[in-house]
């Protein structure tokens, strides 16, 4: 899957933050819910998105992680 088919950023929508295409559901909201332990089914139902949109948000996050290093304080 190419996450670019389901994730978009438009300066006129959600201040240009990455969203599920055709919605105002930010990828970060999907990721926050996953990190909090919500099931993909519950997220899809609550935000009216497809399970493939959730997968696209994960792929988007993985792509971001490849491009940037966040220093870990206290890491040895």
PDB file of N, CA and C in Angstrom:
ATOM      1  N   UNK A   1       0.842  -1.186   0.000  1.00  0.00           N
ATOM      2  CA  UNK A   1       0.000   0.000   0.000  1.00  0.00           C
ATOM      3  C   UNK A   1       0.881   1.242   0.000  1.00  0.00           C
ATOM      4  N   UNK A   2       0.488   2.226  -0.764  1.00  0.00           N
ATOM      5  CA  UNK A   2       1.151   3.523  -0.762  1.00  0.00           C
ATOM      6  C   UNK A   2       0.315   4.460   0.111  1.00  0.00           C
ATOM      7  N   UNK A   3       0.882   4.858   1.248  1.00  0.00           N
ATOM      8  CA  UNK A   3       0.128   5.696   2.191  1.00  0.00           C
ATOM      9  C   UNK A   3      -0.297   7.012   1.559  1.00  0.00           C
ATOM     10  N   UNK A   4       0.402   7.454   0.522  1.00  0.00           N
ATOM     11  CA  UNK A   4       0.070   8.729  -0.136  1.00  0.00           C
ATOM     12  C   UNK A   4      -1.301   8.712  -0.801  1.00  0.00           C
ATOM     13  N   UNK A   5      -1.824   7.521  -1.048  1.00  0.00           N
ATOM     14  CA  UNK A   5      -3.165   7.405  -1.637  1.00  0.00           C
ATOM     15  C   UNK A   5      -4.261   7.715  -0.614  1.00  0.00           C
ATOM     16  N   UNK A   6      -3.927   7.679   0.681  1.00  0.00           N
ATOM     17  CA  UNK A   6      -4.940   7.851   1.723  1.00  0.00           C
ATOM     18  C   UNK A   6      -4.653   8.990   2.689  1.00  0.00           C
ATOM     19  N   UNK A   7      -3.439   9.512   2.679  1.00  0.00           N
ATOM     20  CA  UNK A   7      -3.051  10.598   3.584  1.00  0.00           C
ATOM     21  C   UNK A   7      -2.752  11.834   2.731  1.00  0.00           C
ATOM     22  N   UNK A   8      -3.263  12.976   3.164  1.00  0.00           N
ATOM     23  CA  UNK A   8      -3.037  14.217   2.430  1.00  0.00           C
ATOM     24  C   UNK A   8      -2.789  15.345   3.413  1.00  0.00           C
ATOM     25  N   UNK A   9      -2.171  16.404   2.925  1.00  0.00           N
ATOM     26  CA  UNK A   9      -1.973  17.615   3.729  1.00  0.00           C
ATOM     27  C   UNK A   9      -2.365  18.805   2.865  1.00  0.00           C
ATOM     28  N   UNK A  10      -3.342  19.560   3.336  1.00  0.00           N
ATOM     29  CA  UNK A  10      -3.847  20.730   2.610  1.00  0.00           C
ATOM     30  C   UNK A  10      -3.831  21.901   3.576  1.00  0.00           C
ATOM     31  N   UNK A  11      -3.158  22.992   3.223  1.00  0.00           N
ATOM     32  CA  UNK A  11      -3.086  24.134   4.144  1.00  0.00           C
ATOM     33  C   UNK A  11      -4.459  24.655   4.581  1.00  0.00           C
ATOM     34  N   UNK A  12      -5.495  24.393   3.793  1.00  0.00           N
ATOM     35  CA  UNK A  12      -6.844  24.869   4.124  1.00  0.00           C
ATOM     36  C   UNK A  12      -7.598  23.910   5.041  1.00  0.00           C
ATOM     37  N   UNK A  13      -7.020  22.748   5.322  1.00  0.00           N
ATOM     38  CA  UNK A  13      -7.688  21.746   6.167  1.00  0.00           C
ATOM     39  C   UNK A  13      -6.773  21.402   7.342  1.00  0.00           C
ATOM     40  N   UNK A  14      -7.279  21.580   8.544  1.00  0.00           N
ATOM     41  CA  UNK A  14      -6.536  21.249   9.781  1.00  0.00           C
ATOM     42  C   UNK A  14      -5.148  21.882   9.798  1.00  0.00           C
ATOM     43  N   UNK A  15      -5.064  23.122   9.317  1.00  0.00           N
ATOM     44  CA  UNK A  15      -3.809  23.883   9.340  1.00  0.00           C
ATOM     45  C   UNK A  15      -2.671  23.166   8.618  1.00  0.00           C
ATOM     46  N   UNK A  16      -3.013  22.351   7.615  1.00  0.00           N
ATOM     47  CA  UNK A  16      -1.997  21.681   6.813  1.00  0.00           C
ATOM     48  C   UNK A  16      -1.444  20.413   7.415  1.00  0.00           C
ATOM     49  N   UNK A  17      -2.015  19.960   8.512  1.00  0.00           N
ATOM     50  CA  UNK A  17      -1.536  18.712   9.122  1.00  0.00           C
ATOM     51  C   UNK A  17      -2.005  17.524   8.296  1.00  0.00           C
ATOM     52  N   UNK A  18      -1.273  16.439   8.357  1.00  0.00           N
ATOM     53  CA  UNK A  18      -1.597  15.229   7.601  1.00  0.00           C
ATOM     54  C   UNK A  18      -2.927  14.652   8.087  1.00  0.00           C
ATOM     55  N   UNK A  19      -3.844  14.449   7.137  1.00  0.00           N
ATOM     56  CA  UNK A  19      -5.186  13.928   7.438  1.00  0.00           C
ATOM     57  C   UNK A  19      -5.512  12.758   6.532  1.00  0.00           C
ATOM     58  N   UNK A  20      -6.491  11.977   6.971  1.00  0.00           N
ATOM     59  CA  UNK A  20      -7.052  10.943   6.113  1.00  0.00           C
ATOM     60  C   UNK A  20      -7.772  11.662   4.982  1.00  0.00           C
ATOM     61  N   UNK A  21      -7.461  11.296   3.759  1.00  0.00           N
ATOM     62  CA  UNK A  21      -8.013  11.971   2.583  1.00  0.00           C
ATOM     63  C   UNK A  21      -9.536  12.003   2.646  1.00  0.00           C
ATOM     64  N   UNK A  22     -10.110  13.175   2.365  1.00  0.00           N
ATOM     65  CA  UNK A  22     -11.553  13.348   2.357  1.00  0.00           C
ATOM     66  C   UNK A  22     -12.174  13.551   3.723  1.00  0.00           C
ATOM     67  N   UNK A  23     -11.325  13.672   4.759  1.00  0.00           N
ATOM     68  CA  UNK A  23     -11.820  13.872   6.124  1.00  0.00           C
ATOM     69  C   UNK A  23     -11.017  14.974   6.792  1.00  0.00           C
ATOM     70  N   UNK A  24     -11.387  15.265   8.020  1.00  0.00           N
ATOM     71  CA  UNK A  24     -10.599  16.152   8.869  1.00  0.00           C
ATOM     72  C   UNK A  24      -9.999  15.354  10.026  1.00  0.00           C
ATOM     73  N   UNK A  25      -9.848  14.070   9.826  1.00  0.00           N
ATOM     74  CA  UNK A  25      -9.249  13.192  10.834  1.00  0.00           C
ATOM     75  C   UNK A  25      -7.740  13.180  10.607  1.00  0.00           C
ATOM     76  N   UNK A  26      -7.024  13.755  11.564  1.00  0.00           N
ATOM     77  CA  UNK A  26      -5.574  13.836  11.424  1.00  0.00           C
ATOM     78  C   UNK A  26      -4.929  12.470  11.677  1.00  0.00           C
ATOM     79  N   UNK A  27      -3.872  12.205  10.922  1.00  0.00           N
ATOM     80  CA  UNK A  27      -3.120  10.958  11.104  1.00  0.00           C
ATOM     81  C   UNK A  27      -2.634  10.849  12.547  1.00  0.00           C
ATOM     82  N   UNK A  28      -2.270  11.973  13.139  1.00  0.00           N
ATOM     83  CA  UNK A  28      -1.785  11.948  14.525  1.00  0.00           C
ATOM     84  C   UNK A  28      -2.862  11.471  15.498  1.00  0.00           C
ATOM     85  N   UNK A  29      -4.114  11.780  15.211  1.00  0.00           N
ATOM     86  CA  UNK A  29      -5.215  11.325  16.072  1.00  0.00           C
ATOM     87  C   UNK A  29      -5.331   9.799  15.996  1.00  0.00           C
ATOM     88  N   UNK A  30      -5.238   9.266  14.796  1.00  0.00           N
ATOM     89  CA  UNK A  30      -5.280   7.808  14.620  1.00  0.00           C
ATOM     90  C   UNK A  30      -4.121   7.172  15.391  1.00  0.00           C
ATOM     91  N   UNK A  31      -2.930   7.724  15.225  1.00  0.00           N
ATOM     92  CA  UNK A  31      -1.746   7.178  15.884  1.00  0.00           C
ATOM     93  C   UNK A  31      -1.834   7.297  17.398  1.00  0.00           C
ATOM     94  N   UNK A  32      -2.330   8.420  17.902  1.00  0.00           N
ATOM     95  CA  UNK A  32      -2.507   8.584  19.346  1.00  0.00           C
ATOM     96  C   UNK A  32      -3.449   7.526  19.906  1.00  0.00           C
ATOM     97  N   UNK A  33      -4.529   7.261  19.189  1.00  0.00           N
ATOM     98  CA  UNK A  33      -5.486   6.249  19.638  1.00  0.00           C
ATOM     99  C   UNK A  33      -4.870   4.859  19.634  1.00  0.00           C
ATOM    100  N   UNK A  34      -4.107   4.541  18.609  1.00  0.00           N
ATOM    101  CA  UNK A  34      -3.420   3.247  18.573  1.00  0.00           C
ATOM    102  C   UNK A  34      -2.439   3.124  19.739  1.00  0.00           C
ATOM    103  N   UNK A  35      -1.674   4.192  19.983  1.00  0.00           N
ATOM    104  CA  UNK A  35      -0.701   4.185  21.073  1.00  0.00           C
ATOM    105  C   UNK A  35      -1.376   4.029  22.435  1.00  0.00           C
ATOM    106  N   UNK A  36      -2.617   4.517  22.539  1.00  0.00           N
ATOM    107  CA  UNK A  36      -3.363   4.413  23.797  1.00  0.00           C
ATOM    108  C   UNK A  36      -4.006   3.043  23.969  1.00  0.00           C
ATOM    109  N   UNK A  37      -3.839   2.180  22.971  1.00  0.00           N
ATOM    110  CA  UNK A  37      -4.355   0.822  23.096  1.00  0.00           C
ATOM    111  C   UNK A  37      -5.711   0.574  22.465  1.00  0.00           C
ATOM    112  N   UNK A  38      -6.256   1.578  21.774  1.00  0.00           N
ATOM    113  CA  UNK A  38      -7.550   1.380  21.101  1.00  0.00           C
ATOM    114  C   UNK A  38      -7.378   0.396  19.940  1.00  0.00           C
ATOM    115  N   UNK A  39      -8.386  -0.405  19.716  1.00  0.00           N
ATOM    116  CA  UNK A  39      -8.326  -1.353  18.602  1.00  0.00           C
ATOM    117  C   UNK A  39      -8.565  -0.619  17.284  1.00  0.00           C
ATOM    118  N   UNK A  40      -8.060  -1.202  16.223  1.00  0.00           N
ATOM    119  CA  UNK A  40      -8.284  -0.604  14.909  1.00  0.00           C
ATOM    120  C   UNK A  40      -9.774  -0.544  14.587  1.00  0.00           C
ATOM    121  N   UNK A  41     -10.500  -1.557  15.000  1.00  0.00           N
ATOM    122  CA  UNK A  41     -11.948  -1.592  14.746  1.00  0.00           C
ATOM    123  C   UNK A  41     -12.654  -0.443  15.465  1.00  0.00           C
ATOM    124  N   UNK A  42     -12.276  -0.197  16.715  1.00  0.00           N
ATOM    125  CA  UNK A  42     -12.898   0.883  17.486  1.00  0.00           C
ATOM    126  C   UNK A  42     -12.570   2.245  16.878  1.00  0.00           C
ATOM    127  N   UNK A  43     -11.338   2.417  16.432  1.00  0.00           N
ATOM    128  CA  UNK A  43     -10.931   3.688  15.816  1.00  0.00           C
ATOM    129  C   UNK A  43     -11.688   3.898  14.514  1.00  0.00           C
ATOM    130  N   UNK A  44     -11.750   2.859  13.688  1.00  0.00           N
ATOM    131  CA  UNK A  44     -12.462   2.959  12.406  1.00  0.00           C
ATOM    132  C   UNK A  44     -13.913   3.349  12.624  1.00  0.00           C
ATOM    133  N   UNK A  45     -14.532   2.767  13.622  1.00  0.00           N
ATOM    134  CA  UNK A  45     -15.931   3.056  13.920  1.00  0.00           C
ATOM    135  C   UNK A  45     -16.113   4.466  14.476  1.00  0.00           C
ATOM    136  N   UNK A  46     -15.260   4.850  15.404  1.00  0.00           N
ATOM    137  CA  UNK A  46     -15.397   6.147  16.061  1.00  0.00           C
ATOM    138  C   UNK A  46     -15.147   7.317  15.112  1.00  0.00           C
ATOM    139  N   UNK A  47     -14.213   7.151  14.191  1.00  0.00           N
ATOM    140  CA  UNK A  47     -13.836   8.255  13.303  1.00  0.00           C
ATOM    141  C   UNK A  47     -14.354   8.088  11.877  1.00  0.00           C
ATOM    142  N   UNK A  48     -15.099   7.020  11.647  1.00  0.00           N
ATOM    143  CA  UNK A  48     -15.695   6.762  10.329  1.00  0.00           C
ATOM    144  C   UNK A  48     -14.638   6.713   9.233  1.00  0.00           C
ATOM    145  N   UNK A  49     -13.586   5.940   9.485  1.00  0.00           N
ATOM    146  CA  UNK A  49     -12.527   5.720   8.506  1.00  0.00           C
ATOM    147  C   UNK A  49     -12.427   4.226   8.217  1.00  0.00           C
ATOM    148  N   UNK A  50     -11.789   3.889   7.125  1.00  0.00           N
ATOM    149  CA  UNK A  50     -11.583   2.487   6.756  1.00  0.00           C
ATOM    150  C   UNK A  50     -10.368   1.926   7.492  1.00  0.00           C
ATOM    151  N   UNK A  51     -10.341   0.625   7.720  1.00  0.00           N
ATOM    152  CA  UNK A  51      -9.142   0.022   8.301  1.00  0.00           C
ATOM    153  C   UNK A  51      -7.893   0.323   7.459  1.00  0.00           C
ATOM    154  N   UNK A  52      -8.041   0.439   6.159  1.00  0.00           N
ATOM    155  CA  UNK A  52      -6.900   0.767   5.295  1.00  0.00           C
ATOM    156  C   UNK A  52      -6.378   2.173   5.592  1.00  0.00           C
ATOM    157  N   UNK A  53      -7.242   3.077   6.039  1.00  0.00           N
ATOM    158  CA  UNK A  53      -6.800   4.418   6.430  1.00  0.00           C
ATOM    159  C   UNK A  53      -5.909   4.344   7.665  1.00  0.00           C
ATOM    160  N   UNK A  54      -6.237   3.455   8.569  1.00  0.00           N
ATOM    161  CA  UNK A  54      -5.438   3.275   9.782  1.00  0.00           C
ATOM    162  C   UNK A  54      -4.072   2.699   9.421  1.00  0.00           C
ATOM    163  N   UNK A  55      -4.065   1.740   8.517  1.00  0.00           N
ATOM    164  CA  UNK A  55      -2.799   1.179   8.042  1.00  0.00           C
ATOM    165  C   UNK A  55      -1.955   2.257   7.367  1.00  0.00           C
ATOM    166  N   UNK A  56      -2.601   3.112   6.596  1.00  0.00           N
ATOM    167  CA  UNK A  56      -1.887   4.209   5.918  1.00  0.00           C
ATOM    168  C   UNK A  56      -1.271   5.156   6.939  1.00  0.00           C
ATOM    169  N   UNK A  57      -1.975   5.430   8.033  1.00  0.00           N
ATOM    170  CA  UNK A  57      -1.433   6.298   9.083  1.00  0.00           C
ATOM    171  C   UNK A  57      -0.193   5.667   9.714  1.00  0.00           C
ATOM    172  N   UNK A  58      -0.218   4.353   9.901  1.00  0.00           N
ATOM    173  CA  UNK A  58       0.954   3.657  10.440  1.00  0.00           C
ATOM    174  C   UNK A  58       2.130   3.721   9.471  1.00  0.00           C
ATOM    175  N   UNK A  59       1.859   3.531   8.207  1.00  0.00           N
ATOM    176  CA  UNK A  59       2.911   3.603   7.194  1.00  0.00           C
ATOM    177  C   UNK A  59       3.479   5.016   7.096  1.00  0.00           C
ATOM    178  N   UNK A  60       2.620   6.012   7.220  1.00  0.00           N
ATOM    179  CA  UNK A  60       3.039   7.409   7.221  1.00  0.00           C
ATOM    180  C   UNK A  60       3.984   7.657   8.402  1.00  0.00           C
ATOM    181  N   UNK A  61       3.614   7.165   9.573  1.00  0.00           N
ATOM    182  CA  UNK A  61       4.452   7.338  10.765  1.00  0.00           C
ATOM    183  C   UNK A  61       5.797   6.631  10.590  1.00  0.00           C
ATOM    184  N   UNK A  62       5.776   5.456   9.997  1.00  0.00           N
ATOM    185  CA  UNK A  62       7.020   4.722   9.753  1.00  0.00           C
ATOM    186  C   UNK A  62       7.925   5.512   8.815  1.00  0.00           C
ATOM    187  N   UNK A  63       7.347   6.126   7.816  1.00  0.00           N
ATOM    188  CA  UNK A  63       8.117   6.956   6.882  1.00  0.00           C
ATOM    189  C   UNK A  63       8.737   8.147   7.604  1.00  0.00           C
ATOM    190  N   UNK A  64       7.970   8.791   8.465  1.00  0.00           N
ATOM    191  CA  UNK A  64       8.503   9.916   9.233  1.00  0.00           C
ATOM    192  C   UNK A  64       9.659   9.480  10.129  1.00  0.00           C
ATOM    193  N   UNK A  65       9.546   8.304  10.716  1.00  0.00           N
ATOM    194  CA  UNK A  65      10.592   7.813  11.612  1.00  0.00           C
ATOM    195  C   UNK A  65      11.900   7.562  10.864  1.00  0.00           C
ATOM    196  N   UNK A  66      11.824   7.275   9.591  1.00  0.00           N
ATOM    197  CA  UNK A  66      13.032   7.053   8.790  1.00  0.00           C
ATOM    198  C   UNK A  66      13.771   8.353   8.514  1.00  0.00           C
ATOM    199  N   UNK A  67      13.047   9.450   8.512  1.00  0.00           N
ATOM    200  CA  UNK A  67      13.607  10.721   8.083  1.00  0.00           C
ATOM    201  C   UNK A  67      14.166  11.570   9.221  1.00  0.00           C
ATOM    202  N   UNK A  68      13.883  11.209  10.437  1.00  0.00           N
ATOM    203  CA  UNK A  68      14.241  12.081  11.541  1.00  0.00           C
ATOM    204  C   UNK A  68      14.663  11.261  12.753  1.00  0.00           C
ATOM    205  N   UNK A  69      15.607  11.772  13.476  1.00  0.00           N
ATOM    206  CA  UNK A  69      16.044  11.133  14.709  1.00  0.00           C
ATOM    207  C   UNK A  69      15.653  12.048  15.864  1.00  0.00           C
ATOM    208  N   UNK A  70      14.979  11.491  16.842  1.00  0.00           N
ATOM    209  CA  UNK A  70      14.608  12.240  18.042  1.00  0.00           C
ATOM    210  C   UNK A  70      15.561  11.808  19.143  1.00  0.00           C
ATOM    211  N   UNK A  71      16.345  12.748  19.684  1.00  0.00           N
ATOM    212  CA  UNK A  71      17.292  12.377  20.742  1.00  0.00           C
ATOM    213  C   UNK A  71      16.550  11.831  21.961  1.00  0.00           C
ATOM    214  N   UNK A  72      17.055  10.757  22.489  1.00  0.00           N
ATOM    215  CA  UNK A  72      16.475  10.140  23.679  1.00  0.00           C
ATOM    216  C   UNK A  72      17.310  10.547  24.881  1.00  0.00           C
ATOM    217  N   UNK A  73      16.729  11.293  25.782  1.00  0.00           N
ATOM    218  CA  UNK A  73      17.423  11.779  26.974  1.00  0.00           C
ATOM    219  C   UNK A  73      17.727  10.582  27.871  1.00  0.00           C
ATOM    220  N   UNK A  74      18.953  10.507  28.317  1.00  0.00           N
ATOM    221  CA  UNK A  74      19.354   9.435  29.221  1.00  0.00           C
ATOM    222  C   UNK A  74      19.627   8.103  28.542  1.00  0.00           C
ATOM    223  N   UNK A  75      19.550   8.051  27.224  1.00  0.00           N
ATOM    224  CA  UNK A  75      19.828   6.791  26.506  1.00  0.00           C
ATOM    225  C   UNK A  75      21.337   6.555  26.518  1.00  0.00           C
ATOM    226  N   UNK A  76      21.701   5.334  26.749  1.00  0.00           N
ATOM    227  CA  UNK A  76      23.117   5.006  26.783  1.00  0.00           C
ATOM    228  C   UNK A  76      23.572   4.382  25.499  1.00  0.00           C
TER     229      UNK A  76
END
